[in-house]
C-alpha atoms as a PDB file:
ATOM      1  CA  MET A   1      92.930  77.093 125.171  1.00  0.00           C
ATOM      2  CA  ASP A   2      91.779  74.987 121.873  1.00  0.00           C
ATOM      3  CA  ALA A   3      93.490  71.527 122.404  1.00  0.00           C
ATOM      4  CA  ASN A   4      93.679  71.478 118.682  1.00  0.00           C
ATOM      5  CA  ARG A   5      95.726  74.570 118.904  1.00  0.00           C
ATOM      6  CA  GLY A   6      97.897  74.925 121.636  1.00  0.00           C
ATOM      7  CA  PRO A   7      97.686  77.962 123.928  1.00  0.00           C
ATOM      8  CA  ASN A   8      97.560  81.269 121.992  1.00  0.00           C
ATOM      9  CA  ARG A   9     100.506  83.257 121.110  1.00  0.00           C
ATOM     10  CA  PRO A  10     100.857  86.616 122.878  1.00  0.00           C
ATOM     11  CA  VAL A  11      99.508  89.543 121.926  1.00  0.00           C
ATOM     12  CA  SER A  12     102.323  92.198 119.638  1.00  0.00           C
ATOM     13  CA  HIS A  13     101.068  95.656 119.942  1.00  0.00           C
ATOM     14  CA  PHE A  14     101.980  98.312 116.796  1.00  0.00           C
ATOM     15  CA  ALA A  15     102.225 102.117 117.124  1.00  0.00           C
ATOM     16  CA  GLU A  16      99.956 103.582 114.006  1.00  0.00           C
ATOM     17  CA  THR A  17     103.443 104.493 111.961  1.00  0.00           C
ATOM     18  CA  ASP A  18     105.040 101.376 112.405  1.00  0.00           C
ATOM     19  CA  TYR A  19     102.156  99.695 110.251  1.00  0.00           C
ATOM     20  CA  CYS A  20     100.012  99.640 107.185  1.00  0.00           C
ATOM     21  CA  TYR A  21      97.603  99.821 106.834  1.00  0.00           C
ATOM     22  CA  GLY A  22      95.208 101.222 109.192  1.00  0.00           C
ATOM     23  CA  THR A  23      94.029 104.143 112.150  1.00  0.00           C
ATOM     24  CA  GLY A  24      95.612 103.584 115.900  1.00  0.00           C
ATOM     25  CA  ALA A  25      97.702 101.300 117.267  1.00  0.00           C
ATOM     26  CA  LEU A  26      97.159  97.703 116.178  1.00  0.00           C
ATOM     27  CA  ALA A  27      97.448  94.827 118.803  1.00  0.00           C
ATOM     28  CA  MET A  28      97.558  91.130 117.406  1.00  0.00           C
ATOM     29  CA  ARG A  29      98.525  87.821 117.591  1.00  0.00           C
ATOM     30  CA  VAL A  30     101.019  87.399 115.250  1.00  0.00           C
ATOM     31  CA  ASP A  31     100.741  83.762 113.614  1.00  0.00           C
ATOM     32  CA  ARG A  32     103.188  84.099 110.505  1.00  0.00           C
ATOM     33  CA  VAL A  33     105.735  87.042 109.173  1.00  0.00           C
ATOM     34  CA  ASP A  34     107.098  86.487 105.542  1.00  0.00           C
ATOM     35  CA  TRP A  35     110.635  87.071 106.301  1.00  0.00           C
ATOM     36  CA  THR A  36     111.810  86.175 103.314  1.00  0.00           C
ATOM     37  CA  ARG A  37     110.631  89.225 100.861  1.00  0.00           C
ATOM     38  CA  PRO A  38     111.160  92.479 102.908  1.00  0.00           C
ATOM     39  CA  ILE A  39     109.717  95.595 101.303  1.00  0.00           C
ATOM     40  CA  GLN A  40     111.834  98.708 101.470  1.00  0.00           C
ATOM     41  CA  ARG A  41     109.718 101.670 103.044  1.00  0.00           C
ATOM     42  CA  ASP A  42     111.147 104.922 104.149  1.00  0.00           C
ATOM     43  CA  GLY A  43     115.087 103.051 104.137  1.00  0.00           C
ATOM     44  CA  GLU A  44     114.060 100.318 106.367  1.00  0.00           C
ATOM     45  CA  ASN A  45     112.793  97.067 105.596  1.00  0.00           C
ATOM     46  CA  TRP A  46     109.195  95.817 106.733  1.00  0.00           C
ATOM     47  CA  TYR A  47     107.744  92.373 106.949  1.00  0.00           C
ATOM     48  CA  GLU A  48     104.083  91.148 105.746  1.00  0.00           C
ATOM     49  CA  VAL A  49     102.842  89.767 109.260  1.00  0.00           C
ATOM     50  CA  GLU A  50      99.626  87.752 109.309  1.00  0.00           C
ATOM     51  CA  GLY A  51      97.234  87.141 112.358  1.00  0.00           C
ATOM     52  CA  VAL A  52      94.343  87.849 114.524  1.00  0.00           C
ATOM     53  CA  GLU A  53      93.723  91.222 115.434  1.00  0.00           C
ATOM     54  CA  VAL A  54      92.567  91.780 119.318  1.00  0.00           C
ATOM     55  CA  THR A  55      90.437  94.461 121.209  1.00  0.00           C
ATOM     56  CA  PRO A  56      92.033  96.239 124.287  1.00  0.00           C
ATOM     57  CA  ASP A  57      90.282  93.411 126.707  1.00  0.00           C
ATOM     58  CA  GLY A  58      91.334  90.377 124.667  1.00  0.00           C
ATOM     59  CA  ARG A  59      88.671  90.170 122.425  1.00  0.00           C
ATOM     60  CA  GLU A  60      89.037  88.685 119.022  1.00  0.00           C
ATOM     61  CA  ILE A  61      88.043  90.655 116.236  1.00  0.00           C
ATOM     62  CA  GLY A  62      89.249  88.063 113.576  1.00  0.00           C
ATOM     63  CA  ARG A  63      91.973  87.568 111.099  1.00  0.00           C
ATOM     64  CA  ARG A  64      94.069  90.617 109.952  1.00  0.00           C
ATOM     65  CA  GLN A  65      97.295  91.067 107.649  1.00  0.00           C
ATOM     66  CA  ALA A  66      99.361  94.207 107.939  1.00  0.00           C
ATOM     67  CA  LEU A  67     102.715  95.507 106.827  1.00  0.00           C
ATOM     68  CA  VAL A  68     105.240  95.561 109.556  1.00  0.00           C
ATOM     69  CA  ARG A  69     108.291  97.899 110.248  1.00  0.00           C
ATOM     70  CA  GLY A  70     110.951  95.284 111.101  1.00  0.00           C
ATOM     71  CA  ARG A  71     112.610  96.787 113.852  1.00  0.00           C
ATOM     72  CA  ARG A  72     109.548  96.431 116.180  1.00  0.00           C
ATOM     73  CA  LEU A  73     109.361  92.306 114.622  1.00  0.00           C
ATOM     74  CA  SER A  74     112.755  91.535 116.157  1.00  0.00           C
ATOM     75  CA  ALA A  75     111.415  89.902 119.602  1.00  0.00           C
ATOM     76  CA  LEU A  76     109.524  87.805 117.402  1.00  0.00           C
ATOM     77  CA  GLN A  77     110.583  83.707 116.834  1.00  0.00           C
ATOM     78  CA  ARG A  78     111.511  83.604 113.662  1.00  0.00           C
ATOM     79  CA  ASN A  79     110.807  80.082 111.861  1.00  0.00           C
ATOM     80  CA  THR A  80     113.829  78.758 109.738  1.00  0.00           C
ATOM     81  CA  ARG A  81     115.004  75.386 108.921  1.00  0.00           C
ATOM     82  CA  SER A  82     118.737  74.365 109.918  1.00  0.00           C
END
């Protein structure tokens, strides 16, 4: 754990059919989801996400952006103000 950042977020896994654009499954620690601007694709809402891509053994590859199918993001906490 980095003293300035807190613990790492859990790794989310997305099948190739659930994100754009890339080949193979995607594993990443999602830092941000742009819930305010859904994109209609294949009759569903997709969202831009940012985070850190990781290897199967947990090593960080680097920053990554992807467009992810909304129903695959339902377990992620939404940052909203009341």
